[in-house]
C-alpha atoms as a PDB file:
ATOM      1  CA  MET A   1       0.124  -0.244   0.055  1.00  0.00           C
ATOM      2  CA  SER A   2       2.792   2.451   0.878  1.00  0.00           C
ATOM      3  CA  LYS A   3       4.424   1.792  -2.839  1.00  0.00           C
ATOM      4  CA  LEU A   4       0.784   3.001  -4.471  1.00  0.00           C
ATOM      5  CA  VAL A   5       0.963   6.109  -2.053  1.00  0.00           C
ATOM      6  CA  LYS A   6       4.686   6.819  -3.111  1.00  0.00           C
ATOM      7  CA  GLU A   7       4.030   6.327  -6.763  1.00  0.00           C
ATOM      8  CA  ALA A   8       0.782   8.250  -6.510  1.00  0.00           C
ATOM      9  CA  SER A   9       2.388  11.177  -4.734  1.00  0.00           C
ATOM     10  CA  VAL A  10       5.042  11.187  -7.288  1.00  0.00           C
ATOM     11  CA  PHE A  11       2.234  11.132  -9.996  1.00  0.00           C
ATOM     12  CA  PHE A  12       0.543  14.106  -8.416  1.00  0.00           C
ATOM     13  CA  ARG A  13       4.261  16.326  -8.029  1.00  0.00           C
ATOM     14  CA  LYS A  14       4.969  15.724 -11.634  1.00  0.00           C
ATOM     15  CA  ASN A  15       1.604  16.625 -12.484  1.00  0.00           C
ATOM     16  CA  LYS A  16       1.577  20.186 -10.867  1.00  0.00           C
ATOM     17  CA  LYS A  17       5.063  20.858 -12.231  1.00  0.00           C
ATOM     18  CA  ASN A  18       3.724  19.909 -15.763  1.00  0.00           C
ATOM     19  CA  THR A  19       0.474  22.780 -14.822  1.00  0.00           C
ATOM     20  CA  GLU A  20       2.973  25.055 -13.439  1.00  0.00           C
ATOM     21  CA  GLU A  21       4.878  25.328 -16.471  1.00  0.00           C
ATOM     22  CA  GLU A  22       2.032  25.352 -18.832  1.00  0.00           C
ATOM     23  CA  PHE A  23       1.075  28.217 -16.940  1.00  0.00           C
ATOM     24  CA  GLN A  24       3.818  30.059 -17.374  1.00  0.00           C
ATOM     25  CA  LYS A  25       3.924  29.336 -21.044  1.00  0.00           C
ATOM     26  CA  LYS A  26       0.626  30.502 -21.220  1.00  0.00           C
ATOM     27  CA  GLU A  27       1.985  34.032 -19.741  1.00  0.00           C
ATOM     28  CA  ILE A  28       4.878  34.182 -22.034  1.00  0.00           C
ATOM     29  CA  VAL A  29       2.021  33.801 -25.039  1.00  0.00           C
ATOM     30  CA  LYS A  30      -0.274  36.508 -22.934  1.00  0.00           C
ATOM     31  CA  ASP A  31       3.054  39.177 -22.722  1.00  0.00           C
ATOM     32  CA  VAL A  32       3.782  38.301 -26.450  1.00  0.00           C
ATOM     33  CA  PHE A  33       0.549  39.123 -27.911  1.00  0.00           C
ATOM     34  CA  SER A  34       0.929  42.769 -25.601  1.00  0.00           C
ATOM     35  CA  VAL A  35       3.639  43.433 -27.814  1.00  0.00           C
ATOM     36  CA  SER A  36       2.679  46.540 -30.151  1.00  0.00           C
ATOM     37  CA  LEU A  37       4.315  47.925 -33.497  1.00  0.00           C
ATOM     38  CA  THR A  38       7.437  50.139 -33.568  1.00  0.00           C
ATOM     39  CA  ILE A  39       6.861  53.826 -33.818  1.00  0.00           C
ATOM     40  CA  SER A  40       8.766  52.875 -37.465  1.00  0.00           C
ATOM     41  CA  GLU A  41       6.850  49.961 -37.986  1.00  0.00           C
ATOM     42  CA  ALA A  42       3.485  51.897 -37.279  1.00  0.00           C
ATOM     43  CA  ASN A  43       4.707  55.162 -39.709  1.00  0.00           C
ATOM     44  CA  ARG A  44       5.467  52.790 -42.421  1.00  0.00           C
ATOM     45  CA  LEU A  45       1.779  51.427 -42.489  1.00  0.00           C
ATOM     46  CA  ASP A  46       0.857  55.197 -42.155  1.00  0.00           C
ATOM     47  CA  SER A  47       2.169  55.889 -45.318  1.00  0.00           C
ATOM     48  CA  LEU A  48       0.819  52.647 -46.682  1.00  0.00           C
ATOM     49  CA  PHE A  49      -2.562  53.968 -45.940  1.00  0.00           C
ATOM     50  CA  ASN A  50      -2.115  57.280 -46.745  1.00  0.00           C
ATOM     51  CA  LYS A  51      -3.421  57.560 -50.527  1.00  0.00           C
ATOM     52  CA  TYR A  52      -7.029  55.490 -49.609  1.00  0.00           C
ATOM     53  CA  THR A  53      -9.516  57.901 -48.103  1.00  0.00           C
ATOM     54  CA  LEU A  54     -12.363  56.539 -46.336  1.00  0.00           C
ATOM     55  CA  LYS A  55     -15.688  57.506 -44.554  1.00  0.00           C
ATOM     56  CA  ASP A  56     -15.079  57.563 -40.901  1.00  0.00           C
ATOM     57  CA  GLU A  57     -17.080  54.542 -40.589  1.00  0.00           C
ATOM     58  CA  LYS A  58     -15.072  52.759 -42.074  1.00  0.00           C
ATOM     59  CA  LYS A  59     -11.732  54.188 -40.789  1.00  0.00           C
ATOM     60  CA  ASP A  60     -11.679  51.285 -38.459  1.00  0.00           C
ATOM     61  CA  ILE A  61     -10.391  49.317 -40.710  1.00  0.00           C
ATOM     62  CA  PHE A  62      -6.602  50.836 -40.670  1.00  0.00           C
ATOM     63  CA  LEU A  63      -6.836  50.122 -37.074  1.00  0.00           C
ATOM     64  CA  SER A  64      -7.939  46.500 -37.456  1.00  0.00           C
ATOM     65  CA  ILE A  65      -4.586  46.006 -40.104  1.00  0.00           C
ATOM     66  CA  LYS A  66      -2.617  47.232 -37.564  1.00  0.00           C
ATOM     67  CA  THR A  67      -4.258  45.238 -35.018  1.00  0.00           C
ATOM     68  CA  LEU A  68      -3.770  41.757 -37.123  1.00  0.00           C
ATOM     69  CA  THR A  69      -0.176  43.066 -38.150  1.00  0.00           C
ATOM     70  CA  CYS A  70       0.879  43.266 -34.479  1.00  0.00           C
ATOM     71  CA  GLN A  71      -0.655  39.835 -34.086  1.00  0.00           C
ATOM     72  CA  ILE A  72       1.126  38.434 -36.990  1.00  0.00           C
ATOM     73  CA  LYS A  73       4.377  39.600 -35.771  1.00  0.00           C
ATOM     74  CA  SER A  74       3.961  38.607 -31.800  1.00  0.00           C
ATOM     75  CA  ILE A  75       3.202  34.991 -33.298  1.00  0.00           C
ATOM     76  CA  GLN A  76       6.254  34.743 -35.444  1.00  0.00           C
ATOM     77  CA  LYS A  77       8.283  35.700 -32.416  1.00  0.00           C
ATOM     78  CA  GLN A  78       6.062  33.615 -30.400  1.00  0.00           C
ATOM     79  CA  HIS A  79       7.503  30.801 -33.043  1.00  0.00           C
ATOM     80  CA  VAL A  80      11.187  31.490 -32.467  1.00  0.00           C
ATOM     81  CA  LEU A  81      10.972  30.935 -28.212  1.00  0.00           C
ATOM     82  CA  LEU A  82       9.230  27.856 -28.701  1.00  0.00           C
ATOM     83  CA  ILE A  83      11.674  26.593 -31.514  1.00  0.00           C
ATOM     84  CA  GLY A  84      14.937  27.868 -29.448  1.00  0.00           C
ATOM     85  CA  GLU A  85      12.918  26.582 -26.342  1.00  0.00           C
ATOM     86  CA  LYS A  86      13.074  22.799 -28.257  1.00  0.00           C
ATOM     87  CA  ILE A  87      16.540  23.168 -29.235  1.00  0.00           C
ATOM     88  CA  TYR A  88      17.845  23.998 -25.842  1.00  0.00           C
ATOM     89  CA  LYS A  89      16.399  20.874 -24.017  1.00  0.00           C
ATOM     90  CA  ILE A  90      17.965  18.844 -26.646  1.00  0.00           C
ATOM     91  CA  ARG A  91      21.080  20.137 -26.268  1.00  0.00           C
ATOM     92  CA  GLU A  92      20.786  19.765 -22.522  1.00  0.00           C
ATOM     93  CA  LEU A  93      20.034  16.066 -23.067  1.00  0.00           C
ATOM     94  CA  LEU A  94      22.572  15.615 -25.110  1.00  0.00           C
ATOM     95  CA  LYS A  95      24.866  16.688 -22.332  1.00  0.00           C
ATOM     96  CA  THR A  96      23.628  14.387 -19.733  1.00  0.00           C
ATOM     97  CA  ILE A  97      24.689  11.451 -21.872  1.00  0.00           C
ATOM     98  CA  GLU A  98      27.917  13.394 -22.397  1.00  0.00           C
ATOM     99  CA  SER A  99      27.174  13.488 -25.613  1.00  0.00           C
ATOM    100  CA  THR A 100      29.821  15.862 -28.278  1.00  0.00           C
ATOM    101  CA  GLU A 101      29.074  19.210 -29.729  1.00  0.00           C
ATOM    102  CA  THR A 102      29.417  17.265 -33.004  1.00  0.00           C
ATOM    103  CA  THR A 103      26.405  15.011 -32.603  1.00  0.00           C
ATOM    104  CA  PHE A 104      24.045  18.330 -31.455  1.00  0.00           C
ATOM    105  CA  SER A 105      25.376  19.918 -35.005  1.00  0.00           C
ATOM    106  CA  ALA A 106      24.609  16.959 -36.857  1.00  0.00           C
ATOM    107  CA  TRP A 107      21.106  16.361 -35.300  1.00  0.00           C
ATOM    108  CA  ILE A 108      20.372  20.472 -36.158  1.00  0.00           C
ATOM    109  CA  SER A 109      21.486  19.526 -39.596  1.00  0.00           C
ATOM    110  CA  LEU A 110      19.348  16.498 -39.664  1.00  0.00           C
ATOM    111  CA  VAL A 111      16.283  18.542 -38.968  1.00  0.00           C
ATOM    112  CA  PHE A 112      16.685  22.512 -39.811  1.00  0.00           C
ATOM    113  CA  SER A 113      17.011  22.936 -43.538  1.00  0.00           C
ATOM    114  CA  THR A 114      19.726  25.845 -42.626  1.00  0.00           C
ATOM    115  CA  LYS A 115      21.834  25.530 -39.163  1.00  0.00           C
ATOM    116  CA  SER A 116      22.044  29.447 -38.816  1.00  0.00           C
ATOM    117  CA  SER A 117      18.096  29.313 -38.132  1.00  0.00           C
ATOM    118  CA  ALA A 118      18.442  26.717 -35.724  1.00  0.00           C
ATOM    119  CA  TYR A 119      21.252  28.636 -33.734  1.00  0.00           C
ATOM    120  CA  ASN A 120      19.944  32.032 -33.989  1.00  0.00           C
ATOM    121  CA  ALA A 121      16.554  30.543 -32.530  1.00  0.00           C
ATOM    122  CA  LEU A 122      18.751  28.974 -29.727  1.00  0.00           C
ATOM    123  CA  ALA A 123      20.676  31.891 -28.837  1.00  0.00           C
ATOM    124  CA  TYR A 124      17.425  34.371 -28.504  1.00  0.00           C
ATOM    125  CA  TYR A 125      15.671  31.699 -26.112  1.00  0.00           C
ATOM    126  CA  GLU A 126      19.136  31.869 -24.049  1.00  0.00           C
ATOM    127  CA  LEU A 127      19.243  35.369 -24.186  1.00  0.00           C
ATOM    128  CA  PHE A 128      15.085  35.700 -23.367  1.00  0.00           C
ATOM    129  CA  ILE A 129      15.726  33.476 -19.713  1.00  0.00           C
ATOM    130  CA  GLY A 130      18.365  34.968 -19.099  1.00  0.00           C
ATOM    131  CA  LEU A 131      16.767  38.839 -19.075  1.00  0.00           C
ATOM    132  CA  PRO A 132      15.897  39.828 -15.026  1.00  0.00           C
ATOM    133  CA  SER A 133      12.068  40.453 -15.942  1.00  0.00           C
ATOM    134  CA  LYS A 134       9.197  40.152 -18.178  1.00  0.00           C
ATOM    135  CA  ASN A 135       9.856  43.970 -19.035  1.00  0.00           C
ATOM    136  CA  GLU A 136      13.322  43.285 -19.995  1.00  0.00           C
ATOM    137  CA  GLN A 137      11.618  40.240 -22.283  1.00  0.00           C
ATOM    138  CA  LEU A 138       9.340  42.789 -23.445  1.00  0.00           C
ATOM    139  CA  LEU A 139      11.882  44.773 -24.346  1.00  0.00           C
ATOM    140  CA  LEU A 140      13.740  41.998 -26.401  1.00  0.00           C
ATOM    141  CA  GLN A 141      10.585  41.277 -28.367  1.00  0.00           C
ATOM    142  CA  SER A 142      10.038  45.023 -29.613  1.00  0.00           C
ATOM    143  CA  ILE A 143      13.386  44.349 -31.322  1.00  0.00           C
ATOM    144  CA  PRO A 144      13.745  44.059 -35.171  1.00  0.00           C
ATOM    145  CA  TYR A 145      14.329  40.128 -35.696  1.00  0.00           C
ATOM    146  CA  LYS A 146      17.936  40.778 -37.145  1.00  0.00           C
ATOM    147  CA  ALA A 147      19.084  42.991 -34.602  1.00  0.00           C
ATOM    148  CA  ALA A 148      17.816  40.853 -31.897  1.00  0.00           C
ATOM    149  CA  TYR A 149      19.500  37.837 -33.632  1.00  0.00           C
ATOM    150  CA  LEU A 150      22.764  39.246 -33.630  1.00  0.00           C
ATOM    151  CA  LEU A 151      22.244  40.875 -30.229  1.00  0.00           C
ATOM    152  CA  ALA A 152      21.896  37.239 -28.486  1.00  0.00           C
ATOM    153  CA  SER A 153      24.855  35.684 -30.256  1.00  0.00           C
ATOM    154  CA  ARG A 154      27.227  38.609 -29.219  1.00  0.00           C
ATOM    155  CA  LYS A 155      29.845  37.673 -26.275  1.00  0.00           C
ATOM    156  CA  GLY A 156      28.640  40.090 -23.378  1.00  0.00           C
ATOM    157  CA  SER A 157      27.036  40.270 -19.944  1.00  0.00           C
ATOM    158  CA  ILE A 158      23.267  40.541 -19.439  1.00  0.00           C
ATOM    159  CA  GLU A 159      23.676  44.260 -17.824  1.00  0.00           C
ATOM    160  CA  ARG A 160      25.645  45.474 -21.675  1.00  0.00           C
ATOM    161  CA  LYS A 161      22.765  44.150 -23.939  1.00  0.00           C
ATOM    162  CA  LEU A 162      20.399  45.369 -21.990  1.00  0.00           C
ATOM    163  CA  ASP A 163      21.748  48.578 -22.298  1.00  0.00           C
ATOM    164  CA  VAL A 164      22.372  48.279 -26.360  1.00  0.00           C
ATOM    165  CA  MET A 165      18.614  47.116 -26.243  1.00  0.00           C
ATOM    166  CA  LYS A 166      16.930  50.308 -24.268  1.00  0.00           C
ATOM    167  CA  ARG A 167      19.633  51.897 -27.187  1.00  0.00           C
ATOM    168  CA  ILE A 168      18.053  50.552 -30.137  1.00  0.00           C
ATOM    169  CA  ASN A 169      14.751  50.345 -29.239  1.00  0.00           C
ATOM    170  CA  GLY A 170      11.782  52.024 -31.489  1.00  0.00           C
ATOM    171  CA  LEU A 171      14.486  51.797 -34.031  1.00  0.00           C
ATOM    172  CA  PRO A 172      14.319  50.284 -37.258  1.00  0.00           C
ATOM    173  CA  ASN A 173      16.854  47.148 -38.177  1.00  0.00           C
ATOM    174  CA  THR A 174      19.750  48.975 -40.155  1.00  0.00           C
ATOM    175  CA  SER A 175      20.117  51.681 -37.688  1.00  0.00           C
ATOM    176  CA  ALA A 176      19.087  49.435 -35.099  1.00  0.00           C
ATOM    177  CA  ILE A 177      22.011  47.217 -35.863  1.00  0.00           C
ATOM    178  CA  SER A 178      24.741  49.921 -36.223  1.00  0.00           C
ATOM    179  CA  ILE A 179      24.337  50.891 -32.839  1.00  0.00           C
ATOM    180  CA  LEU A 180      24.551  47.361 -31.799  1.00  0.00           C
ATOM    181  CA  ASN A 181      27.601  46.969 -33.492  1.00  0.00           C
ATOM    182  CA  LYS A 182      29.317  50.378 -32.372  1.00  0.00           C
ATOM    183  CA  TYR A 183      28.164  49.376 -28.506  1.00  0.00           C
ATOM    184  CA  LEU A 184      28.801  45.558 -28.606  1.00  0.00           C
ATOM    185  CA  PRO A 185      30.717  44.787 -31.614  1.00  0.00           C
ATOM    186  CA  PRO A 186      31.303  41.163 -32.930  1.00  0.00           C
ATOM    187  CA  SER A 187      34.303  38.996 -31.377  1.00  0.00           C
ATOM    188  CA  ARG A 188      36.807  38.789 -33.892  1.00  0.00           C
ATOM    189  CA  GLU A 189      39.015  35.980 -31.203  1.00  0.00           C
ATOM    190  CA  ILE A 190      36.333  33.346 -31.188  1.00  0.00           C
ATOM    191  CA  SER A 191      38.178  30.357 -32.527  1.00  0.00           C
ATOM    192  CA  LEU A 192      35.561  28.102 -34.607  1.00  0.00           C
ATOM    193  CA  SER A 193      37.747  24.559 -33.125  1.00  0.00           C
ATOM    194  CA  HIS A 194      35.461  25.191 -30.084  1.00  0.00           C
ATOM    195  CA  ALA A 195      32.502  24.765 -32.045  1.00  0.00           C
ATOM    196  CA  TYR A 196      33.289  22.302 -34.450  1.00  0.00           C
ATOM    197  CA  GLU A 197      35.744  19.419 -33.834  1.00  0.00           C
ATOM    198  CA  SER A 198      37.411  18.884 -37.626  1.00  0.00           C
ATOM    199  CA  ASP A 199      38.107  20.799 -40.233  1.00  0.00           C
ATOM    200  CA  GLU A 200      35.771  18.358 -42.049  1.00  0.00           C
ATOM    201  CA  LEU A 201      32.751  19.351 -40.219  1.00  0.00           C
ATOM    202  CA  ILE A 202      34.025  23.351 -40.459  1.00  0.00           C
ATOM    203  CA  ASN A 203      34.206  22.459 -44.944  1.00  0.00           C
ATOM    204  CA  LYS A 204      30.637  21.361 -44.641  1.00  0.00           C
ATOM    205  CA  ILE A 205      28.859  24.260 -43.003  1.00  0.00           C
ATOM    206  CA  ILE A 206      30.772  27.035 -45.210  1.00  0.00           C
ATOM    207  CA  SER A 207      29.914  24.974 -48.597  1.00  0.00           C
ATOM    208  CA  GLU A 208      26.407  25.138 -47.369  1.00  0.00           C
ATOM    209  CA  ASN A 209      26.401  28.345 -46.434  1.00  0.00           C
ATOM    210  CA  LEU A 210      28.212  29.537 -49.873  1.00  0.00           C
ATOM    211  CA  LEU A 211      26.001  27.749 -51.600  1.00  0.00           C
ATOM    212  CA  GLU A 212      23.157  29.542 -50.590  1.00  0.00           C
ATOM    213  CA  VAL A 213      24.808  32.986 -50.957  1.00  0.00           C
ATOM    214  CA  LEU A 214      25.673  31.754 -54.497  1.00  0.00           C
ATOM    215  CA  ARG A 215      21.890  31.029 -55.223  1.00  0.00           C
ATOM    216  CA  LEU A 216      20.976  34.495 -53.949  1.00  0.00           C
ATOM    217  CA  VAL A 217      23.589  36.320 -56.020  1.00  0.00           C
ATOM    218  CA  SER A 218      22.753  34.595 -59.057  1.00  0.00           C
ATOM    219  CA  SER A 219      19.242  36.018 -58.801  1.00  0.00           C
ATOM    220  CA  GLU A 220      20.256  39.089 -60.253  1.00  0.00           C
ATOM    221  CA  VAL A 221      19.578  40.894 -56.784  1.00  0.00           C
ATOM    222  CA  HIS A 222      21.217  44.621 -56.323  1.00  0.00           C
ATOM    223  CA  LEU A 223      23.566  44.076 -53.723  1.00  0.00           C
ATOM    224  CA  SER A 224      24.434  46.611 -51.268  1.00  0.00           C
ATOM    225  CA  GLU A 225      27.630  48.458 -50.567  1.00  0.00           C
ATOM    226  CA  TYR A 226      27.485  46.710 -47.278  1.00  0.00           C
ATOM    227  CA  ASN A 227      27.071  43.409 -48.743  1.00  0.00           C
ATOM    228  CA  LEU A 228      29.808  43.783 -51.211  1.00  0.00           C
ATOM    229  CA  ASN A 229      32.337  45.136 -48.824  1.00  0.00           C
ATOM    230  CA  LEU A 230      31.813  41.572 -46.723  1.00  0.00           C
ATOM    231  CA  MET A 231      32.314  39.797 -50.032  1.00  0.00           C
ATOM    232  CA  LYS A 232      35.466  41.969 -50.450  1.00  0.00           C
ATOM    233  CA  GLN A 233      36.892  40.869 -46.740  1.00  0.00           C
ATOM    234  CA  LEU A 234      35.873  37.287 -47.847  1.00  0.00           C
ATOM    235  CA  PHE A 235      37.665  37.277 -50.838  1.00  0.00           C
ATOM    236  CA  ASP A 236      40.810  39.332 -48.947  1.00  0.00           C
ATOM    237  CA  SER A 237      40.773  36.394 -46.051  1.00  0.00           C
ATOM    238  CA  ILE A 238      41.116  33.614 -48.779  1.00  0.00           C
ATOM    239  CA  ALA A 239      43.514  35.111 -50.905  1.00  0.00           C
ATOM    240  CA  PRO A 240      46.458  34.065 -49.618  1.00  0.00           C
ATOM    241  CA  GLN A 241      45.222  30.600 -49.082  1.00  0.00           C
ATOM    242  CA  VAL A 242      44.486  30.627 -53.009  1.00  0.00           C
ATOM    243  CA  SER A 243      47.598  32.289 -54.191  1.00  0.00           C
ATOM    244  CA  PHE A 244      49.618  29.525 -52.092  1.00  0.00           C
ATOM    245  CA  GLU A 245      47.328  26.719 -53.746  1.00  0.00           C
ATOM    246  CA  ALA A 246      47.791  27.788 -57.539  1.00  0.00           C
ATOM    247  CA  ASP A 247      51.521  28.173 -56.849  1.00  0.00           C
ATOM    248  CA  SER A 248      51.946  24.490 -55.719  1.00  0.00           C
ATOM    249  CA  LYS A 249      50.110  23.356 -58.684  1.00  0.00           C
ATOM    250  CA  SER A 250      52.323  25.297 -60.665  1.00  0.00           C
ATOM    251  CA  ALA A 251      55.275  23.961 -59.255  1.00  0.00           C
ATOM    252  CA  GLN A 252      53.886  20.436 -59.484  1.00  0.00           C
ATOM    253  CA  ARG A 253      53.479  20.804 -62.950  1.00  0.00           C
ATOM    254  CA  LYS A 254      57.081  22.248 -63.851  1.00  0.00           C
ATOM    255  CA  SER A 255      58.784  19.299 -61.723  1.00  0.00           C
ATOM    256  CA  ILE A 256      56.929  16.401 -64.069  1.00  0.00           C
END
């Protein structure tokens, strides 16, 4: 009988924990849906609708469109959080069996079409749960996606990231990233060897990303000055290696 009581006690404790977790998730969802459009986003919507002249009784249509737009953006943010949460839990489970980072990376390749989207969601979730209160979490939710992803992936304390979040709050994506790079620049000293265990895996990741870049560039898109500068940096960084490989092959042909 005591065994039955013990099992029942364990069951109800687990059930209570699960109920509390579900309640917390619902609270997060509720908070996410309370996020409003930024001033910049609202202004762009206003500009889009300025060409329309409607009677007063139909002006509520614009308000409804704004509300639905806000809800769509909120759903997207909720989606990223939920995906990031699951990735985080799987990584923690792999750690319990002393799995290598390579296994985690291989799992991501198996599940996601692009690794960057998975790592972005993970970094975003880790920053979200690391913030001290719901107010700060809502502040993160209000930041444009690209800026938020970059902020989450940068090295720095929570306090430093909070300061940057306050500086870029309400700004459009381009301006937000510019300020982010000023106050929390990317680290140039991070070695890939800490994240990946072999040159083969690194080259595989590079291949995946380069193929995607090649596909986009081949679509006759007009490249921005910023992207052209990034490509120039890429070419400059690999030029010595390309030159060395060419010289080596030339020397081999001459020796034959």
